[in-house]
Amino acid sequence: MVRHGVGTIQVRIKHGRLKRGRLVVVNQGCADQGLCYPPMQRMLQIERSAGAVTGVTQLGADDAARWLAAQEQ
């Protein structure tokens, strides 16, 4: 799928009592001429209270890499 500009996604959280979670977002940019950049990975920490999102923090690349490596073991 090719998108130009800003996009929006919605994520449904099934666990109603979940207070904190992490969301990994991977995207890749490409020039119109076909040259693509390496994929970029971002990890967001999401805070919830009473069923609503109360905060989103982008974690550093090193934090994201360590967390993902731990999940793969």
N, C-alpha and C. Protein backbone atom coordinates (compact mmCIF):
# COMPACT_ATOMS: atom_id res chain seq x y z
N MET A 1 0.84 -1.16 0.00
CA MET A 1 0.00 0.00 0.00
C MET A 1 0.89 1.23 0.00
N VAL A 2 0.60 2.19 -0.83
CA VAL A 2 1.37 3.42 -0.90
C VAL A 2 0.50 4.56 -0.37
N ARG A 3 1.07 5.31 0.54
CA ARG A 3 0.38 6.46 1.13
C ARG A 3 1.29 7.68 1.00
N HIS A 4 0.70 8.78 0.67
CA HIS A 4 1.42 10.06 0.67
C HIS A 4 0.81 10.91 1.77
N GLY A 5 1.67 11.53 2.58
CA GLY A 5 1.17 12.40 3.65
C GLY A 5 0.99 11.63 4.95
N VAL A 6 0.02 12.06 5.75
CA VAL A 6 -0.22 11.52 7.08
C VAL A 6 -1.32 10.48 7.04
N GLY A 7 -1.14 9.42 7.81
CA GLY A 7 -2.16 8.37 7.91
C GLY A 7 -2.61 8.20 9.35
N THR A 8 -3.74 7.57 9.52
CA THR A 8 -4.29 7.32 10.85
C THR A 8 -4.67 5.85 10.95
N ILE A 9 -4.37 5.24 12.10
CA ILE A 9 -4.80 3.87 12.35
C ILE A 9 -5.57 3.84 13.67
N GLN A 10 -6.45 2.88 13.80
CA GLN A 10 -7.16 2.65 15.05
C GLN A 10 -6.82 1.26 15.54
N VAL A 11 -6.58 1.14 16.83
CA VAL A 11 -6.23 -0.14 17.43
C VAL A 11 -7.25 -0.43 18.53
N ARG A 12 -7.87 -1.59 18.46
CA ARG A 12 -8.83 -1.99 19.48
C ARG A 12 -8.09 -2.79 20.56
N ILE A 13 -8.27 -2.40 21.79
CA ILE A 13 -7.64 -3.08 22.92
C ILE A 13 -8.67 -4.00 23.55
N LYS A 14 -8.42 -5.31 23.51
CA LYS A 14 -9.39 -6.28 24.00
C LYS A 14 -9.45 -6.38 25.52
N HIS A 15 -8.33 -6.20 26.16
CA HIS A 15 -8.27 -6.38 27.61
C HIS A 15 -8.72 -5.10 28.29
N GLY A 16 -9.96 -5.05 28.74
CA GLY A 16 -10.54 -3.84 29.32
C GLY A 16 -9.82 -3.34 30.55
N ARG A 17 -9.16 -4.23 31.29
CA ARG A 17 -8.46 -3.81 32.52
C ARG A 17 -7.01 -3.43 32.28
N LEU A 18 -6.56 -3.51 31.05
CA LEU A 18 -5.18 -3.19 30.73
C LEU A 18 -4.90 -1.72 31.04
N LYS A 19 -3.91 -1.46 31.89
CA LYS A 19 -3.55 -0.10 32.29
C LYS A 19 -2.40 0.46 31.47
N ARG A 20 -1.50 -0.43 31.01
CA ARG A 20 -0.32 0.00 30.27
C ARG A 20 0.00 -1.06 29.23
N GLY A 21 0.36 -0.62 28.05
CA GLY A 21 0.73 -1.55 27.00
C GLY A 21 1.73 -0.91 26.06
N ARG A 22 2.31 -1.71 25.20
CA ARG A 22 3.28 -1.22 24.23
C ARG A 22 2.80 -1.58 22.83
N LEU A 23 2.97 -0.64 21.94
CA LEU A 23 2.57 -0.82 20.55
C LEU A 23 3.81 -0.57 19.69
N VAL A 24 4.14 -1.54 18.84
CA VAL A 24 5.27 -1.40 17.93
C VAL A 24 4.73 -1.01 16.56
N VAL A 25 5.28 0.06 16.00
CA VAL A 25 4.87 0.55 14.69
C VAL A 25 6.08 0.48 13.78
N VAL A 26 5.92 -0.19 12.63
CA VAL A 26 7.00 -0.29 11.66
C VAL A 26 6.51 0.35 10.36
N ASN A 27 7.31 1.27 9.83
CA ASN A 27 6.95 1.89 8.56
C ASN A 27 8.20 2.03 7.70
N GLN A 28 7.96 2.22 6.41
CA GLN A 28 9.07 2.35 5.48
C GLN A 28 8.70 3.40 4.44
N GLY A 29 9.61 4.31 4.20
CA GLY A 29 9.38 5.34 3.20
C GLY A 29 10.06 5.00 1.89
N CYS A 30 9.43 5.40 0.80
CA CYS A 30 10.00 5.18 -0.53
C CYS A 30 9.85 6.46 -1.34
N ALA A 31 10.85 6.75 -2.15
CA ALA A 31 10.77 7.88 -3.07
C ALA A 31 9.91 7.49 -4.26
N ASP A 32 9.34 8.48 -4.93
CA ASP A 32 8.51 8.20 -6.11
C ASP A 32 9.27 7.47 -7.20
N GLN A 33 10.61 7.60 -7.22
CA GLN A 33 11.43 6.93 -8.23
C GLN A 33 11.68 5.46 -7.90
N GLY A 34 11.20 4.99 -6.74
CA GLY A 34 11.33 3.58 -6.41
C GLY A 34 12.38 3.25 -5.37
N LEU A 35 13.21 4.19 -4.98
CA LEU A 35 14.22 3.94 -3.96
C LEU A 35 13.54 3.93 -2.60
N CYS A 36 13.72 2.86 -1.84
CA CYS A 36 13.09 2.75 -0.53
C CYS A 36 14.14 2.85 0.58
N TYR A 37 13.77 3.51 1.64
CA TYR A 37 14.63 3.66 2.81
C TYR A 37 14.48 2.42 3.69
N PRO A 38 15.43 2.18 4.58
CA PRO A 38 15.29 1.04 5.50
C PRO A 38 14.03 1.22 6.38
N PRO A 39 13.39 0.13 6.77
CA PRO A 39 12.22 0.25 7.65
C PRO A 39 12.59 0.94 8.97
N MET A 40 11.67 1.73 9.47
CA MET A 40 11.85 2.41 10.76
C MET A 40 10.89 1.76 11.76
N GLN A 41 11.37 1.61 12.96
CA GLN A 41 10.58 0.96 14.00
C GLN A 41 10.44 1.92 15.18
N ARG A 42 9.21 2.09 15.63
CA ARG A 42 8.95 2.93 16.80
C ARG A 42 8.14 2.13 17.79
N MET A 43 8.39 2.38 19.05
CA MET A 43 7.61 1.72 20.09
C MET A 43 6.94 2.80 20.93
N LEU A 44 5.66 2.64 21.13
CA LEU A 44 4.89 3.57 21.94
C LEU A 44 4.41 2.87 23.20
N GLN A 45 4.54 3.55 24.31
CA GLN A 45 3.97 3.04 25.56
C GLN A 45 2.65 3.78 25.76
N ILE A 46 1.58 3.03 25.95
CA ILE A 46 0.24 3.59 26.06
C ILE A 46 -0.26 3.41 27.48
N GLU A 47 -0.73 4.48 28.07
CA GLU A 47 -1.30 4.46 29.42
C GLU A 47 -2.81 4.63 29.29
N ARG A 48 -3.55 3.81 30.07
CA ARG A 48 -5.01 3.89 30.04
C ARG A 48 -5.57 4.00 31.45
N SER A 49 -6.73 4.62 31.53
CA SER A 49 -7.47 4.71 32.78
C SER A 49 -8.94 4.82 32.44
N ALA A 50 -9.76 4.02 33.10
CA ALA A 50 -11.21 4.03 32.89
C ALA A 50 -11.58 3.83 31.42
N GLY A 51 -10.82 2.97 30.73
CA GLY A 51 -11.13 2.65 29.35
C GLY A 51 -10.69 3.67 28.32
N ALA A 52 -10.03 4.74 28.74
CA ALA A 52 -9.58 5.77 27.80
C ALA A 52 -8.07 5.90 27.84
N VAL A 53 -7.48 6.26 26.72
CA VAL A 53 -6.03 6.49 26.66
C VAL A 53 -5.74 7.81 27.36
N THR A 54 -4.83 7.76 28.33
CA THR A 54 -4.49 8.96 29.09
C THR A 54 -3.09 9.47 28.78
N GLY A 55 -2.30 8.67 28.06
CA GLY A 55 -0.96 9.12 27.71
C GLY A 55 -0.30 8.19 26.72
N VAL A 56 0.52 8.76 25.85
CA VAL A 56 1.30 7.98 24.88
C VAL A 56 2.71 8.55 24.90
N THR A 57 3.69 7.67 25.10
CA THR A 57 5.09 8.06 25.14
C THR A 57 5.85 7.26 24.11
N GLN A 58 6.64 7.93 23.27
CA GLN A 58 7.49 7.21 22.34
C GLN A 58 8.76 6.80 23.06
N LEU A 59 9.03 5.50 23.07
CA LEU A 59 10.25 5.00 23.71
C LEU A 59 11.41 5.13 22.74
N GLY A 60 12.61 5.21 23.27
CA GLY A 60 13.80 5.33 22.45
C GLY A 60 14.04 4.07 21.62
N ALA A 61 14.79 4.21 20.56
CA ALA A 61 15.07 3.08 19.66
C ALA A 61 15.76 1.94 20.40
N ASP A 62 16.68 2.25 21.33
CA ASP A 62 17.38 1.21 22.08
C ASP A 62 16.40 0.45 22.97
N ASP A 63 15.48 1.17 23.62
CA ASP A 63 14.46 0.53 24.47
C ASP A 63 13.60 -0.41 23.63
N ALA A 64 13.19 0.04 22.46
CA ALA A 64 12.35 -0.77 21.59
C ALA A 64 13.09 -2.03 21.14
N ALA A 65 14.35 -1.88 20.75
CA ALA A 65 15.12 -3.03 20.28
C ALA A 65 15.31 -4.06 21.38
N ARG A 66 15.62 -3.59 22.60
CA ARG A 66 15.79 -4.53 23.74
C ARG A 66 14.49 -5.26 24.05
N TRP A 67 13.38 -4.53 24.06
CA TRP A 67 12.09 -5.15 24.37
C TRP A 67 11.71 -6.18 23.33
N LEU A 68 11.89 -5.85 22.04
CA LEU A 68 11.55 -6.78 20.98
C LEU A 68 12.43 -8.02 21.02
N ALA A 69 13.73 -7.84 21.29
CA ALA A 69 14.64 -8.99 21.38
C ALA A 69 14.20 -9.91 22.52
N ALA A 70 13.77 -9.35 23.63
CA ALA A 70 13.32 -10.17 24.77
C ALA A 70 12.05 -10.94 24.42
N GLN A 71 11.18 -10.38 23.59
CA GLN A 71 9.94 -11.05 23.22
C GLN A 71 10.19 -12.24 22.30
N GLU A 72 11.27 -12.18 21.53
CA GLU A 72 11.59 -13.24 20.58
C GLU A 72 12.23 -14.45 21.24
N GLN A 73 12.68 -14.32 22.50
CA GLN A 73 13.36 -15.44 23.18
C GLN A 73 12.37 -16.35 23.84
